[in-house]
PDB file of N, CA and C in Angstrom:
ATOM      1  N   MET A   1       4.586 150.869 -19.789  1.00  0.00           N
ATOM      2  CA  MET A   1       5.519 151.810 -20.395  1.00  0.00           C
ATOM      3  C   MET A   1       6.384 151.129 -21.445  1.00  0.00           C
ATOM      4  N   ARG A   2       6.400 149.789 -21.426  1.00  0.00           N
ATOM      5  CA  ARG A   2       7.266 149.066 -22.354  1.00  0.00           C
ATOM      6  C   ARG A   2       6.785 149.167 -23.795  1.00  0.00           C
ATOM      7  N   PHE A   3       5.507 149.419 -23.972  1.00  0.00           N
ATOM      8  CA  PHE A   3       4.960 149.422 -25.326  1.00  0.00           C
ATOM      9  C   PHE A   3       5.155 150.762 -26.032  1.00  0.00           C
ATOM     10  N   TRP A   4       5.553 151.800 -25.307  1.00  0.00           N
ATOM     11  CA  TRP A   4       5.674 153.123 -25.927  1.00  0.00           C
ATOM     12  C   TRP A   4       6.760 153.155 -27.001  1.00  0.00           C
ATOM     13  N   LEU A   5       7.876 152.502 -26.756  1.00  0.00           N
ATOM     14  CA  LEU A   5       8.947 152.485 -27.751  1.00  0.00           C
ATOM     15  C   LEU A   5       8.478 151.799 -29.030  1.00  0.00           C
ATOM     16  N   ARG A   6       7.748 150.684 -28.878  1.00  0.00           N
ATOM     17  CA  ARG A   6       7.220 149.995 -30.068  1.00  0.00           C
ATOM     18  C   ARG A   6       6.235 150.885 -30.815  1.00  0.00           C
ATOM     19  N   GLU A   7       5.399 151.580 -30.066  1.00  0.00           N
ATOM     20  CA  GLU A   7       4.401 152.422 -30.725  1.00  0.00           C
ATOM     21  C   GLU A   7       5.054 153.603 -31.454  1.00  0.00           C
ATOM     22  N   ILE A   8       6.033 154.220 -30.821  1.00  0.00           N
ATOM     23  CA  ILE A   8       6.725 155.351 -31.470  1.00  0.00           C
ATOM     24  C   ILE A   8       7.458 154.875 -32.717  1.00  0.00           C
ATOM     25  N   MET A   9       8.159 153.737 -32.614  1.00  0.00           N
ATOM     26  CA  MET A   9       8.862 153.210 -33.786  1.00  0.00           C
ATOM     27  C   MET A   9       7.879 152.785 -34.871  1.00  0.00           C
ATOM     28  N   GLY A  10       6.717 152.256 -34.471  1.00  0.00           N
ATOM     29  CA  GLY A  10       5.699 151.885 -35.456  1.00  0.00           C
ATOM     30  C   GLY A  10       5.200 153.092 -36.223  1.00  0.00           C
ATOM     31  N   TRP A  11       4.913 154.175 -35.500  1.00  0.00           N
ATOM     32  CA  TRP A  11       4.454 155.393 -36.178  1.00  0.00           C
ATOM     33  C   TRP A  11       5.541 155.965 -37.078  1.00  0.00           C
ATOM     34  N   LEU A  12       6.805 155.926 -36.626  1.00  0.00           N
ATOM     35  CA  LEU A  12       7.897 156.428 -37.473  1.00  0.00           C
ATOM     36  C   LEU A  12       8.034 155.600 -38.751  1.00  0.00           C
ATOM     37  N   LEU A  13       7.955 154.284 -38.626  1.00  0.00           N
ATOM     38  CA  LEU A  13       8.041 153.441 -39.824  1.00  0.00           C
ATOM     39  C   LEU A  13       6.841 153.648 -40.737  1.00  0.00           C
ATOM     40  N   LEU A  14       5.674 153.867 -40.151  1.00  0.00           N
ATOM     41  CA  LEU A  14       4.478 154.122 -40.949  1.00  0.00           C
ATOM     42  C   LEU A  14       4.637 155.413 -41.758  1.00  0.00           C
ATOM     43  N   PHE A  15       5.119 156.458 -41.097  1.00  0.00           N
ATOM     44  CA  PHE A  15       5.328 157.729 -41.804  1.00  0.00           C
ATOM     45  C   PHE A  15       6.450 157.623 -42.833  1.00  0.00           C
ATOM     46  N   LEU A  16       7.497 156.863 -42.522  1.00  0.00           N
ATOM     47  CA  LEU A  16       8.583 156.681 -43.479  1.00  0.00           C
ATOM     48  C   LEU A  16       8.102 155.922 -44.715  1.00  0.00           C
ATOM     49  N   GLY A  17       7.293 154.880 -44.505  1.00  0.00           N
ATOM     50  CA  GLY A  17       6.738 154.145 -45.643  1.00  0.00           C
ATOM     51  C   GLY A  17       5.830 155.016 -46.494  1.00  0.00           C
ATOM     52  N   THR A  18       5.027 155.868 -45.844  1.00  0.00           N
ATOM     53  CA  THR A  18       4.159 156.784 -46.589  1.00  0.00           C
ATOM     54  C   THR A  18       4.986 157.816 -47.352  1.00  0.00           C
ATOM     55  N   ALA A  19       6.057 158.299 -46.719  1.00  0.00           N
ATOM     56  CA  ALA A  19       6.930 159.263 -47.394  1.00  0.00           C
ATOM     57  C   ALA A  19       7.608 158.628 -48.610  1.00  0.00           C
ATOM     58  N   LEU A  20       7.971 157.360 -48.495  1.00  0.00           N
ATOM     59  CA  LEU A  20       8.563 156.682 -49.651  1.00  0.00           C
ATOM     60  C   LEU A  20       7.542 156.530 -50.771  1.00  0.00           C
ATOM     61  N   TRP A  21       6.274 156.268 -50.439  1.00  0.00           N
ATOM     62  CA  TRP A  21       5.247 156.194 -51.476  1.00  0.00           C
ATOM     63  C   TRP A  21       5.061 157.545 -52.150  1.00  0.00           C
ATOM     64  N   LEU A  22       5.132 158.619 -51.372  1.00  0.00           N
ATOM     65  CA  LEU A  22       5.042 159.957 -51.952  1.00  0.00           C
ATOM     66  C   LEU A  22       6.238 160.208 -52.875  1.00  0.00           C
ATOM     67  N   LEU A  23       7.411 159.759 -52.460  1.00  0.00           N
ATOM     68  CA  LEU A  23       8.599 159.905 -53.306  1.00  0.00           C
ATOM     69  C   LEU A  23       8.448 159.108 -54.600  1.00  0.00           C
ATOM     70  N   ILE A  24       7.862 157.928 -54.521  1.00  0.00           N
ATOM     71  CA  ILE A  24       7.626 157.122 -55.719  1.00  0.00           C
ATOM     72  C   ILE A  24       6.683 157.847 -56.670  1.00  0.00           C
ATOM     73  N   VAL A  25       5.623 158.427 -56.117  1.00  0.00           N
ATOM     74  CA  VAL A  25       4.683 159.179 -56.957  1.00  0.00           C
ATOM     75  C   VAL A  25       5.377 160.372 -57.592  1.00  0.00           C
ATOM     76  N   LEU A  26       6.227 161.057 -56.833  1.00  0.00           N
ATOM     77  CA  LEU A  26       6.958 162.194 -57.398  1.00  0.00           C
ATOM     78  C   LEU A  26       7.906 161.758 -58.513  1.00  0.00           C
ATOM     79  N   PHE A  27       8.542 160.601 -58.354  1.00  0.00           N
ATOM     80  CA  PHE A  27       9.397 160.086 -59.431  1.00  0.00           C
ATOM     81  C   PHE A  27       8.575 159.757 -60.680  1.00  0.00           C
ATOM     82  N   LEU A  28       7.358 159.280 -60.478  1.00  0.00           N
ATOM     83  CA  LEU A  28       6.541 158.890 -61.628  1.00  0.00           C
ATOM     84  C   LEU A  28       5.889 160.069 -62.339  1.00  0.00           C
ATOM     85  N   ILE A  29       5.658 161.173 -61.631  1.00  0.00           N
ATOM     86  CA  ILE A  29       5.040 162.332 -62.291  1.00  0.00           C
ATOM     87  C   ILE A  29       6.068 163.368 -62.708  1.00  0.00           C
ATOM     88  N   ALA A  30       7.353 163.036 -62.577  1.00  0.00           N
ATOM     89  CA  ALA A  30       8.408 163.952 -63.027  1.00  0.00           C
ATOM     90  C   ALA A  30       8.320 164.112 -64.546  1.00  0.00           C
ATOM     91  N   ASP A  31       8.965 165.162 -65.078  1.00  0.00           N
ATOM     92  CA  ASP A  31       8.881 165.446 -66.514  1.00  0.00           C
ATOM     93  C   ASP A  31       9.351 164.259 -67.338  1.00  0.00           C
ATOM     94  N   PRO A  32      10.584 163.784 -67.197  1.00  0.00           N
ATOM     95  CA  PRO A  32      10.826 162.441 -67.744  1.00  0.00           C
ATOM     96  C   PRO A  32      10.622 161.453 -66.596  1.00  0.00           C
ATOM     97  N   PRO A  33       9.582 160.638 -66.627  1.00  0.00           N
ATOM     98  CA  PRO A  33       9.325 159.713 -65.507  1.00  0.00           C
ATOM     99  C   PRO A  33      10.492 158.754 -65.285  1.00  0.00           C
ATOM    100  N   GLU A  34      10.856 158.598 -64.041  1.00  0.00           N
ATOM    101  CA  GLU A  34      11.965 157.720 -63.684  1.00  0.00           C
ATOM    102  C   GLU A  34      11.393 156.396 -63.163  1.00  0.00           C
ATOM    103  N   PHE A  35      11.071 155.507 -64.098  1.00  0.00           N
ATOM    104  CA  PHE A  35      10.438 154.240 -63.752  1.00  0.00           C
ATOM    105  C   PHE A  35      11.376 153.312 -62.994  1.00  0.00           C
ATOM    106  N   ILE A  36      12.642 153.299 -63.365  1.00  0.00           N
ATOM    107  CA  ILE A  36      13.613 152.399 -62.720  1.00  0.00           C
ATOM    108  C   ILE A  36      13.789 152.789 -61.252  1.00  0.00           C
ATOM    109  N   THR A  37      13.968 154.068 -60.994  1.00  0.00           N
ATOM    110  CA  THR A  37      14.158 154.540 -59.619  1.00  0.00           C
ATOM    111  C   THR A  37      12.902 154.296 -58.787  1.00  0.00           C
ATOM    112  N   ALA A  38      11.743 154.579 -59.368  1.00  0.00           N
ATOM    113  CA  ALA A  38      10.489 154.383 -58.642  1.00  0.00           C
ATOM    114  C   ALA A  38      10.246 152.903 -58.355  1.00  0.00           C
ATOM    115  N   SER A  39      10.542 152.048 -59.325  1.00  0.00           N
ATOM    116  CA  SER A  39      10.305 150.621 -59.121  1.00  0.00           C
ATOM    117  C   SER A  39      11.270 150.035 -58.092  1.00  0.00           C
ATOM    118  N   ALA A  40      12.457 150.621 -57.968  1.00  0.00           N
ATOM    119  CA  ALA A  40      13.415 150.133 -56.977  1.00  0.00           C
ATOM    120  C   ALA A  40      12.977 150.470 -55.549  1.00  0.00           C
ATOM    121  N   LEU A  41      12.123 151.463 -55.390  1.00  0.00           N
ATOM    122  CA  LEU A  41      11.676 151.863 -54.061  1.00  0.00           C
ATOM    123  C   LEU A  41      10.357 151.228 -53.633  1.00  0.00           C
ATOM    124  N   VAL A  42       9.686 150.548 -54.538  1.00  0.00           N
ATOM    125  CA  VAL A  42       8.358 150.008 -54.210  1.00  0.00           C
ATOM    126  C   VAL A  42       8.443 148.940 -53.124  1.00  0.00           C
ATOM    127  N   LEU A  43       9.271 147.936 -53.302  1.00  0.00           N
ATOM    128  CA  LEU A  43       9.339 146.831 -52.351  1.00  0.00           C
ATOM    129  C   LEU A  43       9.823 147.269 -50.962  1.00  0.00           C
ATOM    130  N   PRO A  44      10.912 148.063 -50.865  1.00  0.00           N
ATOM    131  CA  PRO A  44      11.310 148.520 -49.516  1.00  0.00           C
ATOM    132  C   PRO A  44      10.239 149.359 -48.830  1.00  0.00           C
ATOM    133  N   SER A  45       9.522 150.170 -49.587  1.00  0.00           N
ATOM    134  CA  SER A  45       8.492 150.999 -48.957  1.00  0.00           C
ATOM    135  C   SER A  45       7.331 150.138 -48.447  1.00  0.00           C
ATOM    136  N   ILE A  46       7.006 149.064 -49.154  1.00  0.00           N
ATOM    137  CA  ILE A  46       5.960 148.157 -48.688  1.00  0.00           C
ATOM    138  C   ILE A  46       6.378 147.486 -47.384  1.00  0.00           C
ATOM    139  N   PHE A  47       7.626 146.981 -47.329  1.00  0.00           N
ATOM    140  CA  PHE A  47       8.108 146.315 -46.114  1.00  0.00           C
ATOM    141  C   PHE A  47       8.182 147.273 -44.932  1.00  0.00           C
ATOM    142  N   ILE A  48       8.628 148.500 -45.165  1.00  0.00           N
ATOM    143  CA  ILE A  48       8.721 149.483 -44.084  1.00  0.00           C
ATOM    144  C   ILE A  48       7.327 149.830 -43.567  1.00  0.00           C
ATOM    145  N   PHE A  49       6.384 150.036 -44.469  1.00  0.00           N
ATOM    146  CA  PHE A  49       5.024 150.378 -44.075  1.00  0.00           C
ATOM    147  C   PHE A  49       4.379 149.235 -43.285  1.00  0.00           C
ATOM    148  N   ARG A  50       4.527 148.002 -43.793  1.00  0.00           N
ATOM    149  CA  ARG A  50       3.933 146.851 -43.101  1.00  0.00           C
ATOM    150  C   ARG A  50       4.614 146.589 -41.759  1.00  0.00           C
ATOM    151  N   GLY A  51       5.914 146.860 -41.673  1.00  0.00           N
ATOM    152  CA  GLY A  51       6.614 146.735 -40.394  1.00  0.00           C
ATOM    153  C   GLY A  51       6.082 147.715 -39.370  1.00  0.00           C
ATOM    154  N   GLY A  52       5.776 148.938 -39.810  1.00  0.00           N
ATOM    155  CA  GLY A  52       5.190 149.927 -38.909  1.00  0.00           C
ATOM    156  C   GLY A  52       3.815 149.495 -38.432  1.00  0.00           C
ATOM    157  N   ILE A  53       3.009 148.955 -39.335  1.00  0.00           N
ATOM    158  CA  ILE A  53       1.681 148.476 -38.945  1.00  0.00           C
ATOM    159  C   ILE A  53       1.811 147.329 -37.943  1.00  0.00           C
ATOM    160  N   HIS A  54       2.771 146.435 -38.169  1.00  0.00           N
ATOM    161  CA  HIS A  54       2.962 145.307 -37.254  1.00  0.00           C
ATOM    162  C   HIS A  54       3.374 145.797 -35.865  1.00  0.00           C
ATOM    163  N   LEU A  55       4.288 146.753 -35.791  1.00  0.00           N
ATOM    164  CA  LEU A  55       4.704 147.271 -34.490  1.00  0.00           C
ATOM    165  C   LEU A  55       3.545 147.952 -33.766  1.00  0.00           C
ATOM    166  N   LEU A  56       2.689 148.643 -34.497  1.00  0.00           N
ATOM    167  CA  LEU A  56       1.525 149.273 -33.872  1.00  0.00           C
ATOM    168  C   LEU A  56       0.559 148.223 -33.341  1.00  0.00           C
ATOM    169  N   LYS A  57       0.378 147.124 -34.086  1.00  0.00           N
ATOM    170  CA  LYS A  57      -0.501 146.056 -33.610  1.00  0.00           C
ATOM    171  C   LYS A  57       0.060 145.400 -32.353  1.00  0.00           C
ATOM    172  N   VAL A  58       1.356 145.177 -32.321  1.00  0.00           N
ATOM    173  CA  VAL A  58       1.976 144.557 -31.154  1.00  0.00           C
ATOM    174  C   VAL A  58       1.884 145.487 -29.947  1.00  0.00           C
ATOM    175  N   ALA A  59       2.116 146.781 -30.152  1.00  0.00           N
ATOM    176  CA  ALA A  59       2.015 147.729 -29.042  1.00  0.00           C
ATOM    177  C   ALA A  59       0.594 147.792 -28.506  1.00  0.00           C
ATOM    178  N   ALA A  60      -0.389 147.737 -29.384  1.00  0.00           N
ATOM    179  CA  ALA A  60      -1.782 147.745 -28.936  1.00  0.00           C
ATOM    180  C   ALA A  60      -2.112 146.468 -28.170  1.00  0.00           C
ATOM    181  N   ALA A  61      -1.591 145.344 -28.609  1.00  0.00           N
ATOM    182  CA  ALA A  61      -1.843 144.078 -27.913  1.00  0.00           C
ATOM    183  C   ALA A  61      -1.200 144.080 -26.530  1.00  0.00           C
ATOM    184  N   VAL A  62       0.000 144.618 -26.423  1.00  0.00           N
ATOM    185  CA  VAL A  62       0.661 144.704 -25.118  1.00  0.00           C
ATOM    186  C   VAL A  62      -0.137 145.599 -24.188  1.00  0.00           C
ATOM    187  N   ARG A  63      -0.625 146.712 -24.707  1.00  0.00           N
ATOM    188  CA  ARG A  63      -1.407 147.633 -23.882  1.00  0.00           C
ATOM    189  C   ARG A  63      -2.689 146.957 -23.384  1.00  0.00           C
ATOM    190  N   VAL A  64      -3.363 146.209 -24.241  1.00  0.00           N
ATOM    191  CA  VAL A  64      -4.590 145.517 -23.842  1.00  0.00           C
ATOM    192  C   VAL A  64      -4.280 144.455 -22.789  1.00  0.00           C
ATOM    193  N   CYS A  65      -3.210 143.691 -22.984  1.00  0.00           N
ATOM    194  CA  CYS A  65      -2.855 142.650 -22.015  1.00  0.00           C
ATOM    195  C   CYS A  65      -2.473 143.246 -20.663  1.00  0.00           C
ATOM    196  N   LEU A  66      -1.715 144.327 -20.649  1.00  0.00           N
ATOM    197  CA  LEU A  66      -1.353 144.956 -19.384  1.00  0.00           C
ATOM    198  C   LEU A  66      -2.571 145.537 -18.688  1.00  0.00           C
ATOM    199  N   ASP A  67      -3.482 146.100 -19.457  1.00  0.00           N
ATOM    200  CA  ASP A  67      -4.700 146.655 -18.872  1.00  0.00           C
ATOM    201  C   ASP A  67      -5.568 145.544 -18.283  1.00  0.00           C
ATOM    202  N   ALA A  68      -5.675 144.427 -18.975  1.00  0.00           N
ATOM    203  CA  ALA A  68      -6.458 143.303 -18.464  1.00  0.00           C
ATOM    204  C   ALA A  68      -5.807 142.731 -17.214  1.00  0.00           C
ATOM    205  N   ASP A  69      -4.486 142.687 -17.181  1.00  0.00           N
ATOM    206  CA  ASP A  69      -3.776 142.173 -16.020  1.00  0.00           C
ATOM    207  C   ASP A  69      -3.990 143.085 -14.812  1.00  0.00           C
ATOM    208  N   ARG A  70      -3.977 144.400 -15.028  1.00  0.00           N
ATOM    209  CA  ARG A  70      -4.217 145.346 -13.931  1.00  0.00           C
ATOM    210  C   ARG A  70      -5.640 145.238 -13.401  1.00  0.00           C
ATOM    211  N   ARG A  71      -6.595 145.007 -14.266  1.00  0.00           N
ATOM    212  CA  ARG A  71      -7.984 144.896 -13.823  1.00  0.00           C
ATOM    213  C   ARG A  71      -8.241 143.597 -13.080  1.00  0.00           C
ATOM    214  N   GLU A  72      -7.497 142.553 -13.400  1.00  0.00           N
ATOM    215  CA  GLU A  72      -7.746 141.245 -12.820  1.00  0.00           C
ATOM    216  C   GLU A  72      -7.078 141.075 -11.470  1.00  0.00           C
ATOM    217  N   LYS A  73      -5.950 141.687 -11.213  1.00  0.00           N
ATOM    218  CA  LYS A  73      -5.190 141.447  -9.989  1.00  0.00           C
ATOM    219  C   LYS A  73      -5.921 141.828  -8.705  1.00  0.00           C
ATOM    220  N   PRO A  74      -6.625 142.955  -8.593  1.00  0.00           N
ATOM    221  CA  PRO A  74      -7.284 143.256  -7.317  1.00  0.00           C
ATOM    222  C   PRO A  74      -8.386 142.262  -6.969  1.00  0.00           C
ATOM    223  N   GLN A  75      -8.936 141.562  -7.911  1.00  0.00           N
ATOM    224  CA  GLN A  75     -10.021 140.634  -7.647  1.00  0.00           C
ATOM    225  C   GLN A  75      -9.527 139.293  -7.121  1.00  0.00           C
ATOM    226  N   VAL A  76      -8.237 139.028  -7.254  1.00  0.00           N
ATOM    227  CA  VAL A  76      -7.689 137.747  -6.811  1.00  0.00           C
ATOM    228  C   VAL A  76      -7.527 137.784  -5.298  1.00  0.00           C
ATOM    229  N   GLN A  77      -8.108 136.804  -4.604  1.00  0.00           N
ATOM    230  CA  GLN A  77      -7.997 136.715  -3.164  1.00  0.00           C
ATOM    231  C   GLN A  77      -7.440 135.347  -2.801  1.00  0.00           C
ATOM    232  N   ALA A  78      -6.761 135.319  -1.673  1.00  0.00           N
ATOM    233  CA  ALA A  78      -6.191 134.039  -1.235  1.00  0.00           C
ATOM    234  C   ALA A  78      -7.314 133.144  -0.748  1.00  0.00           C
ATOM    235  N   ALA A  79      -7.303 131.921  -1.169  1.00  0.00           N
ATOM    236  CA  ALA A  79      -8.327 130.968  -0.756  1.00  0.00           C
ATOM    237  C   ALA A  79      -8.043 130.501   0.676  1.00  0.00           C
ATOM    238  N   ALA A  80      -9.099 130.299   1.431  1.00  0.00           N
ATOM    239  CA  ALA A  80      -8.946 129.815   2.803  1.00  0.00           C
ATOM    240  C   ALA A  80      -8.466 128.372   2.764  1.00  0.00           C
ATOM    241  N   PRO A  81      -7.559 128.020   3.664  1.00  0.00           N
ATOM    242  CA  PRO A  81      -7.077 126.632   3.651  1.00  0.00           C
ATOM    243  C   PRO A  81      -8.203 125.675   4.028  1.00  0.00           C
ATOM    244  N   ARG A  82      -8.297 124.583   3.300  1.00  0.00           N
ATOM    245  CA  ARG A  82      -9.345 123.599   3.540  1.00  0.00           C
ATOM    246  C   ARG A  82      -8.866 122.583   4.584  1.00  0.00           C
ATOM    247  N   ALA A  83      -9.822 122.106   5.316  1.00  0.00           N
ATOM    248  CA  ALA A  83      -9.491 121.067   6.294  1.00  0.00           C
ATOM    249  C   ALA A  83      -9.274 119.758   5.548  1.00  0.00           C
ATOM    250  N   ALA A  84      -8.368 118.972   6.038  1.00  0.00           N
ATOM    251  CA  ALA A  84      -8.070 117.695   5.398  1.00  0.00           C
ATOM    252  C   ALA A  84      -9.246 116.751   5.590  1.00  0.00           C
ATOM    253  N   VAL A  85      -9.856 116.341   4.488  1.00  0.00           N
ATOM    254  CA  VAL A  85     -10.997 115.432   4.538  1.00  0.00           C
ATOM    255  C   VAL A  85     -10.508 114.066   4.078  1.00  0.00           C
ATOM    256  N   PRO A  86     -10.698 113.045   4.895  1.00  0.00           N
ATOM    257  CA  PRO A  86     -10.236 111.720   4.472  1.00  0.00           C
ATOM    258  C   PRO A  86     -11.086 111.218   3.297  1.00  0.00           C
ATOM    259  N   ALA A  87     -10.449 110.560   2.382  1.00  0.00           N
ATOM    260  CA  ALA A  87     -11.144 110.029   1.220  1.00  0.00           C
ATOM    261  C   ALA A  87     -11.997 108.844   1.620  1.00  0.00           C
ATOM    262  N   LYS A  88     -13.248 108.869   1.211  1.00  0.00           N
ATOM    263  CA  LYS A  88     -14.174 107.780   1.555  1.00  0.00           C
ATOM    264  C   LYS A  88     -14.108 106.640   0.538  1.00  0.00           C
ATOM    265  N   ILE A  89     -13.637 106.969  -0.665  1.00  0.00           N
ATOM    266  CA  ILE A  89     -13.557 105.979  -1.718  1.00  0.00           C
ATOM    267  C   ILE A  89     -12.087 105.687  -1.974  1.00  0.00           C
ATOM    268  N   PRO A  90     -11.710 104.441  -2.009  1.00  0.00           N
ATOM    269  CA  PRO A  90     -10.298 104.140  -2.295  1.00  0.00           C
ATOM    270  C   PRO A  90      -9.946 104.566  -3.711  1.00  0.00           C
ATOM    271  N   LEU A  91      -8.738 105.037  -3.871  1.00  0.00           N
ATOM    272  CA  LEU A  91      -8.321 105.575  -5.164  1.00  0.00           C
ATOM    273  C   LEU A  91      -7.550 104.577  -6.014  1.00  0.00           C
ATOM    274  N   ASP A  92      -7.532 103.287  -5.659  1.00  0.00           N
ATOM    275  CA  ASP A  92      -6.840 102.296  -6.484  1.00  0.00           C
ATOM    276  C   ASP A  92      -7.823 101.697  -7.481  1.00  0.00           C
ATOM    277  N   TRP A  93      -7.864 102.220  -8.640  1.00  0.00           N
ATOM    278  CA  TRP A  93      -8.845 101.832  -9.658  1.00  0.00           C
ATOM    279  C   TRP A  93      -8.336 100.641 -10.339  1.00  0.00           C
TER     280      TRP A  93
END
């Protein structure tokens, strides 16, 4: 359940970055194109979009690790205690 917040925030940042790109396109196709305003939004929109992609990757990795951990735990069994076997070879090398 810990990864859901990361995934939701990742999707929100992804949509926000896409919305900023749409806003940039709208600024550029306006009747007098606003190049200064559009260029000021390019870098923040790239960082926001890439941040959303990163959060989605991290959430997916957490989900895979938790799933692998759940699948592995039932297979782990306690090992039977071994009888003490005296060493036949001296260990002073």
